[in-house]
Amino acid sequence: MRSSYNTGSLHTGSKRPGYAGILKYVVSAVIIAYIVVLMIFTSGSTKSFTQVEKAVEASLDTSNLKQVDVQGLKRYYGLNSADYEGVMLYSSQVSMSTEEVLLIKVKNEKQVQQVKDAVQKRLDNRKKDFDGYAPEQVKLIEQAQLSVRGKFIFLAVAPKAEAYKDAFAKSL
């Protein structure tokens, strides 16, 4: 005996993607765009240290900031400038100011964390030094701009810190 159960007819024409299919493509496109943006902003630069240094220096307000010699990096951060591809350090000559701008290009990726740790230690120490009697200087430290892009590490503690960081980012 044959079954009279009707399985219905299958339509074999062109099939349009439903809401879930469209959503799948949109999510995929968003993920790809996110990855591209992430790669652009976390990648380093093919520019030399000197090129980046000149661009950053051009943005600095040097009326208060003066370039510090290579001994300053050792004194302030406990780092040896000979260990890096390039170092630029500007600091305020006024003892009651926390203004500093630091640019370092490391030789290898392992040095990035070492430099970041030294920068954090310096910021913590400066904050302790000025806490209680120079609240405007403590605020500058709290608003410090730190950026790591590939082998470049940038720090700005200054009223114009964001502008300096933008100049750094554009120089890459």
N, C-alpha and C. Protein backbone atom coordinates (compact mmCIF):
# COMPACT_ATOMS: atom_id res chain seq x y z
N MET A 1 0.82 -1.16 0.00
CA MET A 1 0.00 0.00 0.00
C MET A 1 0.87 1.24 0.00
N ARG A 2 0.48 2.11 -0.84
CA ARG A 2 1.23 3.35 -0.97
C ARG A 2 0.73 4.37 0.00
N SER A 3 1.65 5.12 0.51
CA SER A 3 1.28 6.16 1.45
C SER A 3 0.75 7.36 0.69
N SER A 4 -0.23 7.95 1.24
CA SER A 4 -0.80 9.13 0.61
C SER A 4 -0.26 10.41 1.26
N TYR A 5 0.80 10.28 1.99
CA TYR A 5 1.40 11.41 2.66
C TYR A 5 2.03 12.32 1.63
N ASN A 6 1.65 13.57 1.62
CA ASN A 6 2.14 14.54 0.64
C ASN A 6 3.34 15.29 1.23
N THR A 7 4.47 15.14 0.59
CA THR A 7 5.66 15.83 1.08
C THR A 7 5.76 17.24 0.55
N GLY A 8 4.86 17.62 -0.28
CA GLY A 8 4.87 18.98 -0.82
C GLY A 8 5.87 19.10 -1.94
N SER A 9 5.75 20.14 -2.65
CA SER A 9 6.68 20.32 -3.77
C SER A 9 7.81 21.25 -3.34
N LEU A 10 8.98 20.95 -3.80
CA LEU A 10 10.14 21.79 -3.51
C LEU A 10 10.34 22.77 -4.64
N HIS A 11 10.51 24.01 -4.30
CA HIS A 11 10.74 25.05 -5.29
C HIS A 11 12.23 25.12 -5.57
N THR A 12 12.62 24.92 -6.79
CA THR A 12 14.05 24.88 -7.11
C THR A 12 14.52 26.15 -7.81
N GLY A 13 13.75 27.21 -7.81
CA GLY A 13 14.16 28.47 -8.43
C GLY A 13 15.23 29.17 -7.61
N SER A 14 15.60 30.41 -7.96
CA SER A 14 16.64 31.15 -7.24
C SER A 14 16.19 31.43 -5.82
N LYS A 15 17.12 31.24 -4.92
CA LYS A 15 16.81 31.41 -3.50
C LYS A 15 17.43 32.71 -3.02
N ARG A 16 16.65 33.56 -2.42
CA ARG A 16 17.13 34.83 -1.88
C ARG A 16 17.57 34.62 -0.44
N PRO A 17 18.65 35.29 -0.05
CA PRO A 17 19.07 35.14 1.35
C PRO A 17 18.06 35.82 2.27
N GLY A 18 17.81 35.18 3.35
CA GLY A 18 16.89 35.74 4.33
C GLY A 18 17.61 36.73 5.22
N TYR A 19 16.92 37.16 6.25
CA TYR A 19 17.45 38.12 7.21
C TYR A 19 18.74 37.60 7.85
N ALA A 20 18.76 36.34 8.22
CA ALA A 20 19.95 35.74 8.85
C ALA A 20 21.12 35.72 7.88
N GLY A 21 20.87 35.43 6.61
CA GLY A 21 21.93 35.42 5.61
C GLY A 21 22.54 36.80 5.40
N ILE A 22 21.71 37.81 5.35
CA ILE A 22 22.18 39.18 5.18
C ILE A 22 22.97 39.61 6.42
N LEU A 23 22.46 39.28 7.60
CA LEU A 23 23.12 39.63 8.85
C LEU A 23 24.51 38.98 8.93
N LYS A 24 24.61 37.76 8.42
CA LYS A 24 25.90 37.06 8.43
C LYS A 24 26.92 37.83 7.60
N TYR A 25 26.53 38.34 6.43
CA TYR A 25 27.45 39.10 5.59
C TYR A 25 27.81 40.45 6.22
N VAL A 26 26.85 41.09 6.85
CA VAL A 26 27.10 42.38 7.49
C VAL A 26 28.08 42.20 8.65
N VAL A 27 27.86 41.20 9.48
CA VAL A 27 28.76 40.93 10.61
C VAL A 27 30.16 40.60 10.11
N SER A 28 30.26 39.81 9.06
CA SER A 28 31.57 39.48 8.48
C SER A 28 32.28 40.73 8.00
N ALA A 29 31.57 41.62 7.34
CA ALA A 29 32.16 42.87 6.84
C ALA A 29 32.64 43.75 7.99
N VAL A 30 31.85 43.82 9.06
CA VAL A 30 32.23 44.62 10.22
C VAL A 30 33.48 44.04 10.87
N ILE A 31 33.57 42.74 11.01
CA ILE A 31 34.74 42.10 11.61
C ILE A 31 35.99 42.37 10.76
N ILE A 32 35.87 42.26 9.47
CA ILE A 32 37.01 42.52 8.58
C ILE A 32 37.45 43.97 8.69
N ALA A 33 36.49 44.89 8.70
CA ALA A 33 36.83 46.31 8.84
C ALA A 33 37.52 46.58 10.18
N TYR A 34 37.06 45.96 11.24
CA TYR A 34 37.66 46.12 12.56
C TYR A 34 39.10 45.62 12.55
N ILE A 35 39.34 44.48 11.95
CA ILE A 35 40.69 43.92 11.89
C ILE A 35 41.62 44.84 11.10
N VAL A 36 41.14 45.39 10.00
CA VAL A 36 41.95 46.31 9.19
C VAL A 36 42.31 47.55 10.01
N VAL A 37 41.34 48.15 10.68
CA VAL A 37 41.58 49.33 11.50
C VAL A 37 42.55 49.00 12.63
N LEU A 38 42.36 47.87 13.27
CA LEU A 38 43.23 47.44 14.36
C LEU A 38 44.67 47.28 13.87
N MET A 39 44.83 46.68 12.71
CA MET A 39 46.18 46.49 12.16
C MET A 39 46.84 47.82 11.82
N ILE A 40 46.08 48.76 11.32
CA ILE A 40 46.63 50.07 10.98
C ILE A 40 47.10 50.79 12.23
N PHE A 41 46.28 50.77 13.29
CA PHE A 41 46.60 51.54 14.48
C PHE A 41 47.59 50.85 15.42
N THR A 42 47.80 49.56 15.30
CA THR A 42 48.77 48.91 16.17
C THR A 42 50.07 48.63 15.45
N SER A 43 50.08 48.84 14.16
CA SER A 43 51.30 48.56 13.41
C SER A 43 52.30 49.67 13.64
N GLY A 44 53.51 49.38 13.33
CA GLY A 44 54.56 50.36 13.48
C GLY A 44 54.63 51.25 12.26
N SER A 45 55.83 51.64 11.96
CA SER A 45 56.05 52.54 10.85
C SER A 45 57.33 52.14 10.15
N THR A 46 57.38 52.45 8.89
CA THR A 46 58.61 52.20 8.15
C THR A 46 59.51 53.42 8.18
N LYS A 47 59.06 54.47 8.81
CA LYS A 47 59.85 55.70 8.88
C LYS A 47 61.00 55.54 9.88
N SER A 48 62.05 56.28 9.63
CA SER A 48 63.19 56.24 10.53
C SER A 48 62.88 57.01 11.81
N PHE A 49 63.69 56.76 12.82
CA PHE A 49 63.52 57.49 14.08
C PHE A 49 63.68 58.98 13.84
N THR A 50 64.65 59.36 13.04
CA THR A 50 64.93 60.77 12.79
C THR A 50 63.73 61.48 12.16
N GLN A 51 63.05 60.82 11.23
CA GLN A 51 61.87 61.43 10.59
C GLN A 51 60.76 61.66 11.61
N VAL A 52 60.50 60.67 12.44
CA VAL A 52 59.45 60.80 13.45
C VAL A 52 59.84 61.85 14.49
N GLU A 53 61.10 61.81 14.91
CA GLU A 53 61.61 62.77 15.90
C GLU A 53 61.42 64.21 15.41
N LYS A 54 61.78 64.48 14.16
CA LYS A 54 61.65 65.83 13.62
C LYS A 54 60.21 66.30 13.59
N ALA A 55 59.31 65.42 13.22
CA ALA A 55 57.88 65.77 13.18
C ALA A 55 57.34 66.07 14.57
N VAL A 56 57.74 65.27 15.54
CA VAL A 56 57.28 65.50 16.92
C VAL A 56 57.89 66.79 17.46
N GLU A 57 59.19 66.98 17.24
CA GLU A 57 59.86 68.19 17.73
C GLU A 57 59.21 69.46 17.17
N ALA A 58 58.79 69.39 15.92
CA ALA A 58 58.17 70.56 15.30
C ALA A 58 56.86 70.95 15.99
N SER A 59 56.21 70.00 16.64
CA SER A 59 54.93 70.29 17.30
C SER A 59 55.10 70.79 18.73
N LEU A 60 56.29 70.64 19.30
CA LEU A 60 56.50 70.96 20.71
C LEU A 60 56.57 72.46 20.97
N ASP A 61 56.05 72.84 22.12
CA ASP A 61 56.18 74.20 22.62
C ASP A 61 57.47 74.24 23.42
N THR A 62 58.54 74.70 22.78
CA THR A 62 59.85 74.65 23.42
C THR A 62 60.14 75.86 24.32
N SER A 63 59.13 76.69 24.56
CA SER A 63 59.35 77.80 25.48
C SER A 63 59.56 77.28 26.91
N ASN A 64 58.97 76.15 27.23
CA ASN A 64 59.13 75.56 28.56
C ASN A 64 59.92 74.25 28.51
N LEU A 65 59.88 73.57 27.37
CA LEU A 65 60.55 72.28 27.24
C LEU A 65 61.93 72.44 26.61
N LYS A 66 62.90 71.79 27.20
CA LYS A 66 64.27 71.80 26.68
C LYS A 66 64.72 70.36 26.49
N GLN A 67 65.51 70.13 25.43
CA GLN A 67 65.99 68.78 25.17
C GLN A 67 66.97 68.36 26.26
N VAL A 68 66.81 67.11 26.70
CA VAL A 68 67.64 66.54 27.75
C VAL A 68 68.65 65.61 27.09
N ASP A 69 69.88 65.62 27.58
CA ASP A 69 70.90 64.76 26.98
C ASP A 69 70.63 63.29 27.31
N VAL A 70 71.45 62.40 26.75
CA VAL A 70 71.23 60.97 26.92
C VAL A 70 71.32 60.52 28.38
N GLN A 71 72.02 61.28 29.20
CA GLN A 71 72.12 60.95 30.63
C GLN A 71 70.76 61.14 31.33
N GLY A 72 69.93 62.02 30.78
CA GLY A 72 68.62 62.26 31.37
C GLY A 72 67.73 61.03 31.33
N LEU A 73 67.83 60.25 30.28
CA LEU A 73 67.03 59.02 30.18
C LEU A 73 67.40 58.08 31.31
N LYS A 74 68.68 57.96 31.59
CA LYS A 74 69.15 57.08 32.68
C LYS A 74 68.70 57.64 34.03
N ARG A 75 68.85 58.95 34.22
CA ARG A 75 68.51 59.60 35.48
C ARG A 75 66.99 59.55 35.75
N TYR A 76 66.18 59.84 34.75
CA TYR A 76 64.74 59.92 34.93
C TYR A 76 64.02 58.57 34.83
N TYR A 77 64.49 57.73 33.92
CA TYR A 77 63.76 56.48 33.62
C TYR A 77 64.54 55.22 33.95
N GLY A 78 65.82 55.35 34.25
CA GLY A 78 66.64 54.17 34.54
C GLY A 78 66.95 53.35 33.29
N LEU A 79 66.86 53.98 32.12
CA LEU A 79 67.09 53.29 30.86
C LEU A 79 68.37 53.82 30.21
N ASN A 80 69.06 52.95 29.52
CA ASN A 80 70.29 53.30 28.83
C ASN A 80 69.97 53.59 27.36
N SER A 81 70.25 54.79 26.90
CA SER A 81 69.88 55.18 25.54
C SER A 81 70.59 54.34 24.47
N ALA A 82 71.74 53.79 24.80
CA ALA A 82 72.47 52.96 23.82
C ALA A 82 71.74 51.66 23.50
N ASP A 83 70.78 51.28 24.33
CA ASP A 83 70.02 50.04 24.12
C ASP A 83 68.92 50.20 23.07
N TYR A 84 68.68 51.42 22.59
CA TYR A 84 67.56 51.69 21.70
C TYR A 84 68.02 52.29 20.38
N GLU A 85 67.18 52.17 19.37
CA GLU A 85 67.51 52.74 18.06
C GLU A 85 67.55 54.25 18.10
N GLY A 86 66.69 54.84 18.90
CA GLY A 86 66.66 56.29 19.01
C GLY A 86 65.92 56.72 20.25
N VAL A 87 66.36 57.86 20.81
CA VAL A 87 65.73 58.41 22.01
C VAL A 87 65.66 59.92 21.87
N MET A 88 64.50 60.47 22.18
CA MET A 88 64.32 61.91 22.27
C MET A 88 63.62 62.19 23.59
N LEU A 89 64.17 63.08 24.38
CA LEU A 89 63.57 63.42 25.67
C LEU A 89 63.62 64.93 25.85
N TYR A 90 62.46 65.51 26.05
CA TYR A 90 62.33 66.91 26.40
C TYR A 90 61.71 66.98 27.78
N SER A 91 62.21 67.91 28.59
CA SER A 91 61.69 68.07 29.95
C SER A 91 61.65 69.55 30.29
N SER A 92 60.79 69.88 31.23
CA SER A 92 60.70 71.26 31.67
C SER A 92 61.94 71.60 32.49
N GLN A 93 62.42 72.80 32.31
CA GLN A 93 63.56 73.27 33.09
C GLN A 93 63.12 73.89 34.41
N VAL A 94 61.82 74.02 34.58
CA VAL A 94 61.25 74.56 35.82
C VAL A 94 61.04 73.41 36.79
N SER A 95 61.59 73.52 37.98
CA SER A 95 61.52 72.41 38.93
C SER A 95 60.09 72.11 39.40
N MET A 96 59.21 73.06 39.30
CA MET A 96 57.82 72.84 39.73
C MET A 96 56.91 72.40 38.59
N SER A 97 57.48 71.89 37.53
CA SER A 97 56.70 71.45 36.38
C SER A 97 56.98 69.97 36.08
N THR A 98 55.92 69.25 35.74
CA THR A 98 56.05 67.83 35.40
C THR A 98 56.11 67.59 33.89
N GLU A 99 56.16 68.66 33.12
CA GLU A 99 56.12 68.52 31.66
C GLU A 99 57.31 67.72 31.14
N GLU A 100 56.98 66.72 30.30
CA GLU A 100 57.99 65.89 29.64
C GLU A 100 57.41 65.33 28.36
N VAL A 101 58.28 65.14 27.39
CA VAL A 101 57.91 64.45 26.16
C VAL A 101 59.03 63.47 25.86
N LEU A 102 58.65 62.20 25.70
CA LEU A 102 59.61 61.13 25.47
C LEU A 102 59.23 60.37 24.21
N LEU A 103 60.23 60.10 23.38
CA LEU A 103 60.04 59.28 22.18
C LEU A 103 61.19 58.29 22.13
N ILE A 104 60.86 57.02 22.06
CA ILE A 104 61.87 55.96 21.99
C ILE A 104 61.49 55.01 20.86
N LYS A 105 62.49 54.61 20.10
CA LYS A 105 62.30 53.53 19.14
C LYS A 105 63.16 52.37 19.64
N VAL A 106 62.48 51.27 20.00
CA VAL A 106 63.19 50.10 20.53
C VAL A 106 63.79 49.30 19.38
N LYS A 107 64.76 48.48 19.72
CA LYS A 107 65.40 47.63 18.71
C LYS A 107 64.60 46.36 18.47
N ASN A 108 63.88 45.89 19.50
CA ASN A 108 63.08 44.67 19.36
C ASN A 108 61.83 44.77 20.22
N GLU A 109 60.87 43.94 19.91
CA GLU A 109 59.57 43.97 20.57
C GLU A 109 59.66 43.68 22.07
N LYS A 110 60.67 42.92 22.50
CA LYS A 110 60.82 42.58 23.92
C LYS A 110 61.08 43.82 24.77
N GLN A 111 61.67 44.85 24.18
CA GLN A 111 62.00 46.06 24.93
C GLN A 111 60.78 46.94 25.20
N VAL A 112 59.70 46.73 24.48
CA VAL A 112 58.51 47.58 24.63
C VAL A 112 58.00 47.53 26.07
N GLN A 113 57.85 46.35 26.63
CA GLN A 113 57.32 46.24 27.99
C GLN A 113 58.28 46.85 29.01
N GLN A 114 59.57 46.68 28.78
CA GLN A 114 60.58 47.26 29.67
C GLN A 114 60.44 48.79 29.72
N VAL A 115 60.29 49.39 28.56
CA VAL A 115 60.14 50.85 28.49
C VAL A 115 58.82 51.28 29.11
N LYS A 116 57.74 50.56 28.80
CA LYS A 116 56.43 50.90 29.38
C LYS A 116 56.48 50.84 30.91
N ASP A 117 57.15 49.83 31.45
CA ASP A 117 57.28 49.71 32.91
C ASP A 117 58.06 50.89 33.49
N ALA A 118 59.14 51.28 32.82
CA ALA A 118 59.95 52.42 33.29
C ALA A 118 59.14 53.71 33.23
N VAL A 119 58.34 53.88 32.18
CA VAL A 119 57.49 55.06 32.05
C VAL A 119 56.46 55.09 33.18
N GLN A 120 55.83 53.96 33.45
CA GLN A 120 54.82 53.91 34.51
C GLN A 120 55.45 54.21 35.87
N LYS A 121 56.63 53.68 36.11
CA LYS A 121 57.33 53.95 37.37
C LYS A 121 57.64 55.44 37.50
N ARG A 122 58.10 56.04 36.41
CA ARG A 122 58.40 57.48 36.41
C ARG A 122 57.14 58.30 36.70
N LEU A 123 56.04 57.96 36.05
CA LEU A 123 54.78 58.69 36.29
C LEU A 123 54.32 58.53 37.73
N ASP A 124 54.41 57.32 38.26
CA ASP A 124 54.00 57.08 39.66
C ASP A 124 54.86 57.88 40.62
N ASN A 125 56.17 57.90 40.40
CA ASN A 125 57.08 58.65 41.27
C ASN A 125 56.82 60.15 41.19
N ARG A 126 56.61 60.65 39.98
CA ARG A 126 56.34 62.09 39.81
C ARG A 126 55.01 62.47 40.48
N LYS A 127 54.05 61.59 40.38
CA LYS A 127 52.75 61.86 41.01
C LYS A 127 52.91 61.95 42.53
N LYS A 128 53.69 61.03 43.10
CA LYS A 128 53.95 61.08 44.55
C LYS A 128 54.68 62.37 44.93
N ASP A 129 55.65 62.77 44.10
CA ASP A 129 56.44 63.97 44.38
C ASP A 129 55.57 65.22 44.44
N PHE A 130 54.59 65.32 43.56
CA PHE A 130 53.78 66.54 43.46
C PHE A 130 52.44 66.45 44.19
N ASP A 131 52.09 65.27 44.65
CA ASP A 131 50.81 65.09 45.34
C ASP A 131 50.78 65.90 46.63
N GLY A 132 49.72 66.66 46.83
CA GLY A 132 49.55 67.42 48.06
C GLY A 132 49.86 68.89 47.94
N TYR A 133 50.77 69.27 47.03
CA TYR A 133 51.06 70.70 46.95
C TYR A 133 51.05 71.27 45.53
N ALA A 134 50.89 70.44 44.53
CA ALA A 134 50.81 70.95 43.16
C ALA A 134 49.75 70.15 42.39
N PRO A 135 48.46 70.37 42.73
CA PRO A 135 47.40 69.57 42.11
C PRO A 135 47.31 69.72 40.58
N GLU A 136 47.68 70.89 40.05
CA GLU A 136 47.63 71.07 38.59
C GLU A 136 48.69 70.21 37.90
N GLN A 137 49.82 69.98 38.58
CA GLN A 137 50.86 69.12 38.01
C GLN A 137 50.45 67.64 38.09
N VAL A 138 49.79 67.28 39.18
CA VAL A 138 49.29 65.91 39.33
C VAL A 138 48.25 65.62 38.25
N LYS A 139 47.43 66.61 37.95
CA LYS A 139 46.42 66.45 36.90
C LYS A 139 47.08 66.21 35.54
N LEU A 140 48.18 66.93 35.25
CA LEU A 140 48.91 66.71 34.00
C LEU A 140 49.42 65.27 33.91
N ILE A 141 49.93 64.77 35.03
CA ILE A 141 50.43 63.39 35.06
C ILE A 141 49.29 62.41 34.82
N GLU A 142 48.17 62.65 35.45
CA GLU A 142 47.01 61.76 35.29
C GLU A 142 46.48 61.78 33.86
N GLN A 143 46.69 62.88 33.15
CA GLN A 143 46.21 63.01 31.77
C GLN A 143 47.33 62.76 30.76
N ALA A 144 48.41 62.14 31.20
CA ALA A 144 49.54 61.84 30.32
C ALA A 144 49.07 60.99 29.14
N GLN A 145 49.69 61.23 28.01
CA GLN A 145 49.35 60.50 26.78
C GLN A 145 50.48 59.54 26.45
N LEU A 146 50.19 58.25 26.53
CA LEU A 146 51.15 57.21 26.22
C LEU A 146 50.65 56.46 25.00
N SER A 147 51.54 56.26 24.04
CA SER A 147 51.16 55.55 22.81
C SER A 147 52.29 54.63 22.40
N VAL A 148 51.93 53.39 22.06
CA VAL A 148 52.89 52.43 21.54
C VAL A 148 52.42 52.04 20.15
N ARG A 149 53.28 52.29 19.16
CA ARG A 149 52.96 51.96 17.77
C ARG A 149 54.14 51.21 17.20
N GLY A 150 54.02 49.91 17.12
CA GLY A 150 55.13 49.10 16.62
C GLY A 150 56.31 49.21 17.56
N LYS A 151 57.43 49.69 17.05
CA LYS A 151 58.64 49.83 17.86
C LYS A 151 58.78 51.23 18.47
N PHE A 152 57.81 52.09 18.22
CA PHE A 152 57.85 53.46 18.76
C PHE A 152 57.02 53.55 20.04
N ILE A 153 57.60 54.23 21.04
CA ILE A 153 56.89 54.48 22.29
C ILE A 153 56.93 55.98 22.51
N PHE A 154 55.77 56.56 22.78
CA PHE A 154 55.65 58.01 22.93
C PHE A 154 54.94 58.32 24.24
N LEU A 155 55.46 59.30 24.96
CA LEU A 155 54.83 59.79 26.19
C LEU A 155 54.84 61.30 26.19
N ALA A 156 53.72 61.89 26.54
CA ALA A 156 53.64 63.34 26.70
C ALA A 156 52.91 63.66 28.00
N VAL A 157 53.58 64.42 28.84
CA VAL A 157 52.98 64.97 30.06
C VAL A 157 53.07 66.47 29.87
N ALA A 158 51.99 67.07 29.45
CA ALA A 158 51.99 68.50 29.13
C ALA A 158 50.57 68.98 28.92
N PRO A 159 50.35 70.29 29.03
CA PRO A 159 49.01 70.81 28.74
C PRO A 159 48.57 70.49 27.31
N LYS A 160 49.52 70.40 26.39
CA LYS A 160 49.20 70.10 24.98
C LYS A 160 49.50 68.63 24.65
N ALA A 161 49.40 67.76 25.63
CA ALA A 161 49.78 66.34 25.45
C ALA A 161 49.02 65.68 24.30
N GLU A 162 47.74 65.95 24.18
CA GLU A 162 46.96 65.32 23.11
C GLU A 162 47.42 65.79 21.73
N ALA A 163 47.75 67.07 21.61
CA ALA A 163 48.23 67.60 20.34
C ALA A 163 49.58 66.97 19.99
N TYR A 164 50.43 66.79 21.00
CA TYR A 164 51.73 66.15 20.76
C TYR A 164 51.54 64.70 20.33
N LYS A 165 50.60 64.02 20.97
CA LYS A 165 50.32 62.62 20.61
C LYS A 165 49.78 62.55 19.18
N ASP A 166 48.94 63.48 18.80
CA ASP A 166 48.42 63.51 17.43
C ASP A 166 49.55 63.73 16.42
N ALA A 167 50.48 64.62 16.76
CA ALA A 167 51.63 64.86 15.89
C ALA A 167 52.47 63.60 15.75
N PHE A 168 52.62 62.88 16.84
CA PHE A 168 53.34 61.60 16.80
C PHE A 168 52.63 60.61 15.87
N ALA A 169 51.33 60.46 16.06
CA ALA A 169 50.55 59.51 15.25
C ALA A 169 50.62 59.87 13.77
N LYS A 170 50.53 61.15 13.45
CA LYS A 170 50.58 61.58 12.05
C LYS A 170 51.96 61.40 11.45
N SER A 171 53.00 61.42 12.29
CA SER A 171 54.36 61.31 11.78
C SER A 171 54.70 59.90 11.33
N LEU A 172 53.91 58.94 11.78
CA LEU A 172 54.18 57.54 11.40
C LEU A 172 53.63 57.31 10.05
